[in-house]
Structure formats: structure tokens, C-alpha cells
Amino acid sequence: MELGNISQPSYGPGLEAPGSNTPGLVAMAHGFLRLVQPNSLPIEMIDFGQSQIEFNQEDIKELLLYELGFLVCAAIGVLFIIFVPLVGCCFCCCRC
């Protein structure tokens, strides 16, 4: 593994899919991530120098907009975790 010049790093044009034996799965994963989180990270909100972080309403809205895709996926996942066993139990116990 070659590290390159650590003191003067050179950055590429953007995210590239790594070389892999399964390019279809890599493309599918990158497509899902672009679909779930199309917004860029609001870097101006991150301040590592402050020990006390205070958010106003606009900051909270911007963070929720950034995480909206993941929140929707988590909500759908919770619904599936609850409803799939419930529907399966109804089919098993209440065969009509």
C-alpha cells in the first residue's frame, strides 16, 4: 500500500468506486447512498474549537435536512421490524 506524500496530499476530483470483483454491488451501494443522502454536509456548523455547542432552529432544520434520507430509511426499517412479524403471526394463527 502506497501512502504518497503525507505532508502535501493531493486530492482527486471526488468519490470514486474502489476497484472490486463485484462492481455491480459497489455501484448499487453508491447509488443507494447518493439516493439517501444527496445533500452535502453543512461544514460551517461544525466548530471543533467550542466546548459548548448551541444550536438555533435554523441549524437544527439544516441538520435534519442533511439526515432526512437516513431518518426515512430508519422509519421504514422500524415499520418492517414491527409489521412483518405481526402479519406473519396473523397468517399463522388466523388462517381463514
N, C-alpha and C. Protein backbone atom coordinates (compact mmCIF):
# COMPACT_ATOMS: atom_id res chain seq x y z
N MET A 1 0.84 -1.17 0.00
CA MET A 1 0.00 0.00 0.00
C MET A 1 0.89 1.24 0.00
N GLU A 2 0.67 2.09 -0.95
CA GLU A 2 1.47 3.31 -1.06
C GLU A 2 0.71 4.48 -0.47
N LEU A 3 1.34 5.21 0.44
CA LEU A 3 0.68 6.34 1.10
C LEU A 3 0.82 7.63 0.33
N GLY A 4 1.85 7.78 -0.47
CA GLY A 4 2.04 9.02 -1.19
C GLY A 4 2.70 10.05 -0.30
N ASN A 5 2.62 11.31 -0.67
CA ASN A 5 3.22 12.39 0.07
C ASN A 5 2.24 12.84 1.17
N ILE A 6 2.55 12.52 2.41
CA ILE A 6 1.64 12.80 3.51
C ILE A 6 1.62 14.29 3.86
N SER A 7 2.77 14.96 3.76
CA SER A 7 2.81 16.37 4.13
C SER A 7 2.11 17.26 3.10
N GLN A 8 2.08 16.87 1.83
CA GLN A 8 1.40 17.61 0.78
C GLN A 8 0.44 16.67 0.04
N PRO A 9 -0.71 16.37 0.64
CA PRO A 9 -1.61 15.42 -0.01
C PRO A 9 -2.24 16.02 -1.27
N SER A 10 -2.53 15.17 -2.22
CA SER A 10 -3.24 15.61 -3.42
C SER A 10 -4.58 14.89 -3.45
N TYR A 11 -5.63 15.66 -3.65
CA TYR A 11 -6.97 15.13 -3.61
C TYR A 11 -7.50 14.98 -5.02
N GLY A 12 -8.27 13.92 -5.23
CA GLY A 12 -8.85 13.67 -6.54
C GLY A 12 -10.10 14.49 -6.78
N PRO A 13 -10.73 14.28 -7.92
CA PRO A 13 -11.92 15.08 -8.26
C PRO A 13 -13.14 14.75 -7.43
N GLY A 14 -13.18 13.61 -6.79
CA GLY A 14 -14.35 13.26 -5.98
C GLY A 14 -14.33 11.80 -5.61
N LEU A 15 -15.47 11.31 -5.16
CA LEU A 15 -15.56 9.91 -4.76
C LEU A 15 -15.53 9.02 -5.99
N GLU A 16 -14.74 7.99 -5.91
CA GLU A 16 -14.66 7.02 -6.98
C GLU A 16 -14.89 5.65 -6.37
N ALA A 17 -15.54 4.81 -7.12
CA ALA A 17 -15.78 3.45 -6.65
C ALA A 17 -14.45 2.71 -6.60
N PRO A 18 -14.18 1.99 -5.50
CA PRO A 18 -12.92 1.25 -5.42
C PRO A 18 -12.92 0.08 -6.40
N GLY A 19 -11.74 -0.32 -6.81
CA GLY A 19 -11.64 -1.49 -7.68
C GLY A 19 -12.12 -2.71 -6.93
N SER A 20 -12.96 -3.50 -7.57
CA SER A 20 -13.57 -4.61 -6.86
C SER A 20 -13.90 -5.71 -7.84
N ASN A 21 -14.10 -6.90 -7.30
CA ASN A 21 -14.55 -8.03 -8.11
C ASN A 21 -16.05 -7.99 -8.33
N THR A 22 -16.75 -7.18 -7.57
CA THR A 22 -18.20 -7.07 -7.68
C THR A 22 -18.59 -5.63 -7.98
N PRO A 23 -18.35 -5.16 -9.20
CA PRO A 23 -18.66 -3.75 -9.49
C PRO A 23 -20.16 -3.45 -9.44
N GLY A 24 -21.00 -4.46 -9.68
CA GLY A 24 -22.44 -4.24 -9.60
C GLY A 24 -22.89 -3.90 -8.20
N LEU A 25 -22.35 -4.61 -7.21
CA LEU A 25 -22.71 -4.33 -5.82
C LEU A 25 -22.17 -2.99 -5.36
N VAL A 26 -20.96 -2.65 -5.81
CA VAL A 26 -20.37 -1.35 -5.45
C VAL A 26 -21.21 -0.23 -6.04
N ALA A 27 -21.61 -0.38 -7.31
CA ALA A 27 -22.44 0.65 -7.95
C ALA A 27 -23.79 0.77 -7.26
N MET A 28 -24.37 -0.38 -6.84
CA MET A 28 -25.65 -0.35 -6.16
C MET A 28 -25.54 0.35 -4.80
N ALA A 29 -24.46 0.07 -4.06
CA ALA A 29 -24.28 0.70 -2.75
C ALA A 29 -24.07 2.21 -2.90
N HIS A 30 -23.25 2.62 -3.87
CA HIS A 30 -23.03 4.05 -4.08
C HIS A 30 -24.31 4.74 -4.56
N GLY A 31 -25.10 4.06 -5.39
CA GLY A 31 -26.37 4.62 -5.84
C GLY A 31 -27.33 4.81 -4.68
N PHE A 32 -27.37 3.81 -3.77
CA PHE A 32 -28.24 3.93 -2.60
C PHE A 32 -27.81 5.10 -1.71
N LEU A 33 -26.50 5.24 -1.49
CA LEU A 33 -26.03 6.33 -0.64
C LEU A 33 -26.30 7.69 -1.28
N ARG A 34 -26.17 7.80 -2.60
CA ARG A 34 -26.49 9.07 -3.27
C ARG A 34 -27.98 9.36 -3.21
N LEU A 35 -28.80 8.30 -3.23
CA LEU A 35 -30.25 8.48 -3.15
C LEU A 35 -30.67 8.90 -1.74
N VAL A 36 -30.08 8.26 -0.73
CA VAL A 36 -30.46 8.52 0.65
C VAL A 36 -29.94 9.86 1.14
N GLN A 37 -28.74 10.24 0.74
CA GLN A 37 -28.16 11.47 1.25
C GLN A 37 -27.57 12.30 0.11
N PRO A 38 -28.44 12.99 -0.64
CA PRO A 38 -27.94 13.79 -1.75
C PRO A 38 -27.36 15.13 -1.32
N ASN A 39 -27.67 15.59 -0.12
CA ASN A 39 -27.21 16.90 0.36
C ASN A 39 -25.80 16.79 0.90
N SER A 40 -25.05 17.86 0.77
CA SER A 40 -23.69 17.87 1.30
C SER A 40 -23.69 18.20 2.79
N LEU A 41 -22.63 17.81 3.47
CA LEU A 41 -22.50 18.05 4.90
C LEU A 41 -22.35 19.55 5.16
N PRO A 42 -23.17 20.12 6.06
CA PRO A 42 -23.03 21.55 6.38
C PRO A 42 -21.81 21.78 7.27
N ILE A 43 -20.66 21.99 6.65
CA ILE A 43 -19.39 22.10 7.37
C ILE A 43 -19.33 23.35 8.24
N GLU A 44 -20.01 24.43 7.83
CA GLU A 44 -19.92 25.66 8.61
C GLU A 44 -20.55 25.51 9.99
N MET A 45 -21.36 24.49 10.20
CA MET A 45 -21.96 24.28 11.52
C MET A 45 -21.02 23.57 12.48
N ILE A 46 -20.01 22.90 11.94
CA ILE A 46 -19.09 22.14 12.77
C ILE A 46 -17.97 23.07 13.23
N ASP A 47 -17.86 23.26 14.54
CA ASP A 47 -16.82 24.08 15.11
C ASP A 47 -16.16 23.28 16.22
N PHE A 48 -14.96 22.80 15.96
CA PHE A 48 -14.29 21.94 16.93
C PHE A 48 -13.66 22.73 18.06
N GLY A 49 -13.57 24.04 17.94
CA GLY A 49 -12.98 24.86 18.99
C GLY A 49 -13.91 25.12 20.16
N GLN A 50 -15.21 25.01 19.93
CA GLN A 50 -16.16 25.28 21.00
C GLN A 50 -16.37 24.03 21.85
N SER A 51 -16.42 24.22 23.14
CA SER A 51 -16.74 23.09 24.01
C SER A 51 -18.25 23.03 24.27
N GLN A 52 -18.89 24.17 24.24
CA GLN A 52 -20.34 24.25 24.44
C GLN A 52 -20.98 24.51 23.08
N ILE A 53 -21.78 23.57 22.61
CA ILE A 53 -22.41 23.70 21.31
C ILE A 53 -23.86 24.12 21.50
N GLU A 54 -24.23 25.23 20.89
CA GLU A 54 -25.61 25.71 20.96
C GLU A 54 -26.15 25.78 19.54
N PHE A 55 -27.31 25.17 19.34
CA PHE A 55 -27.94 25.17 18.02
C PHE A 55 -29.19 26.04 18.07
N ASN A 56 -29.41 26.79 17.01
CA ASN A 56 -30.67 27.51 16.89
C ASN A 56 -31.59 26.73 15.97
N GLN A 57 -32.79 27.22 15.73
CA GLN A 57 -33.79 26.50 14.94
C GLN A 57 -33.31 26.23 13.52
N GLU A 58 -32.64 27.19 12.90
CA GLU A 58 -32.17 27.01 11.53
C GLU A 58 -31.11 25.93 11.44
N ASP A 59 -30.22 25.86 12.43
CA ASP A 59 -29.20 24.82 12.44
C ASP A 59 -29.82 23.44 12.58
N ILE A 60 -30.81 23.33 13.43
CA ILE A 60 -31.47 22.04 13.63
C ILE A 60 -32.20 21.62 12.36
N LYS A 61 -32.86 22.56 11.69
CA LYS A 61 -33.54 22.24 10.43
C LYS A 61 -32.54 21.81 9.37
N GLU A 62 -31.40 22.46 9.31
CA GLU A 62 -30.38 22.11 8.32
C GLU A 62 -29.80 20.72 8.60
N LEU A 63 -29.57 20.40 9.87
CA LEU A 63 -29.08 19.07 10.22
C LEU A 63 -30.12 17.99 9.90
N LEU A 64 -31.39 18.27 10.19
CA LEU A 64 -32.43 17.29 9.88
C LEU A 64 -32.59 17.10 8.38
N LEU A 65 -32.42 18.17 7.62
CA LEU A 65 -32.47 18.06 6.16
C LEU A 65 -31.30 17.22 5.66
N TYR A 66 -30.14 17.38 6.27
CA TYR A 66 -28.97 16.59 5.90
C TYR A 66 -29.20 15.11 6.19
N GLU A 67 -29.83 14.80 7.30
CA GLU A 67 -30.05 13.42 7.72
C GLU A 67 -31.41 12.87 7.31
N LEU A 68 -32.17 13.58 6.51
CA LEU A 68 -33.53 13.20 6.18
C LEU A 68 -33.62 11.81 5.55
N GLY A 69 -32.74 11.51 4.63
CA GLY A 69 -32.77 10.20 3.97
C GLY A 69 -32.56 9.06 4.95
N PHE A 70 -31.60 9.23 5.86
CA PHE A 70 -31.35 8.18 6.85
C PHE A 70 -32.51 8.06 7.83
N LEU A 71 -33.15 9.18 8.17
CA LEU A 71 -34.30 9.12 9.07
C LEU A 71 -35.47 8.38 8.42
N VAL A 72 -35.69 8.62 7.13
CA VAL A 72 -36.76 7.92 6.42
C VAL A 72 -36.46 6.42 6.34
N CYS A 73 -35.22 6.07 6.04
CA CYS A 73 -34.84 4.65 5.98
C CYS A 73 -34.99 3.98 7.35
N ALA A 74 -34.64 4.68 8.41
CA ALA A 74 -34.79 4.12 9.76
C ALA A 74 -36.26 3.93 10.11
N ALA A 75 -37.11 4.88 9.72
CA ALA A 75 -38.55 4.75 9.99
C ALA A 75 -39.14 3.57 9.23
N ILE A 76 -38.76 3.41 7.97
CA ILE A 76 -39.26 2.27 7.19
C ILE A 76 -38.75 0.96 7.79
N GLY A 77 -37.51 0.94 8.24
CA GLY A 77 -36.97 -0.26 8.88
C GLY A 77 -37.71 -0.63 10.15
N VAL A 78 -38.03 0.37 10.97
CA VAL A 78 -38.78 0.10 12.21
C VAL A 78 -40.17 -0.43 11.88
N LEU A 79 -40.82 0.14 10.85
CA LEU A 79 -42.13 -0.36 10.45
C LEU A 79 -42.05 -1.81 9.99
N PHE A 80 -41.03 -2.16 9.22
CA PHE A 80 -40.89 -3.55 8.79
C PHE A 80 -40.61 -4.47 9.96
N ILE A 81 -39.79 -4.03 10.91
CA ILE A 81 -39.48 -4.86 12.07
C ILE A 81 -40.74 -5.13 12.88
N ILE A 82 -41.63 -4.16 12.95
CA ILE A 82 -42.86 -4.34 13.73
C ILE A 82 -43.93 -5.10 12.94
N PHE A 83 -44.16 -4.72 11.69
CA PHE A 83 -45.31 -5.25 10.95
C PHE A 83 -45.08 -6.61 10.31
N VAL A 84 -43.88 -6.96 9.91
CA VAL A 84 -43.66 -8.26 9.28
C VAL A 84 -43.93 -9.41 10.26
N PRO A 85 -43.39 -9.40 11.48
CA PRO A 85 -43.75 -10.48 12.41
C PRO A 85 -45.24 -10.48 12.78
N LEU A 86 -45.83 -9.28 12.89
CA LEU A 86 -47.25 -9.19 13.22
C LEU A 86 -48.12 -9.81 12.12
N VAL A 87 -47.82 -9.49 10.88
CA VAL A 87 -48.57 -10.06 9.75
C VAL A 87 -48.32 -11.56 9.67
N GLY A 88 -47.09 -12.00 9.89
CA GLY A 88 -46.79 -13.43 9.89
C GLY A 88 -47.54 -14.17 10.98
N CYS A 89 -47.63 -13.58 12.14
CA CYS A 89 -48.38 -14.19 13.25
C CYS A 89 -49.87 -14.28 12.91
N CYS A 90 -50.40 -13.23 12.28
CA CYS A 90 -51.81 -13.26 11.89
C CYS A 90 -52.08 -14.34 10.84
N PHE A 91 -51.17 -14.50 9.88
CA PHE A 91 -51.34 -15.54 8.88
C PHE A 91 -51.25 -16.93 9.49
N CYS A 92 -50.36 -17.11 10.47
CA CYS A 92 -50.19 -18.43 11.08
C CYS A 92 -51.34 -18.77 12.02
N CYS A 93 -51.77 -17.82 12.82
CA CYS A 93 -52.78 -18.08 13.85
C CYS A 93 -54.19 -17.97 13.34
N CYS A 94 -54.44 -17.12 12.40
CA CYS A 94 -55.82 -16.81 11.98
C CYS A 94 -56.03 -17.21 10.53
N ARG A 95 -55.75 -18.45 10.18
CA ARG A 95 -55.96 -18.88 8.79
C ARG A 95 -57.46 -18.99 8.56
N CYS A 96 -57.93 -18.23 7.60
CA CYS A 96 -59.35 -18.25 7.29
C CYS A 96 -59.58 -18.78 5.89
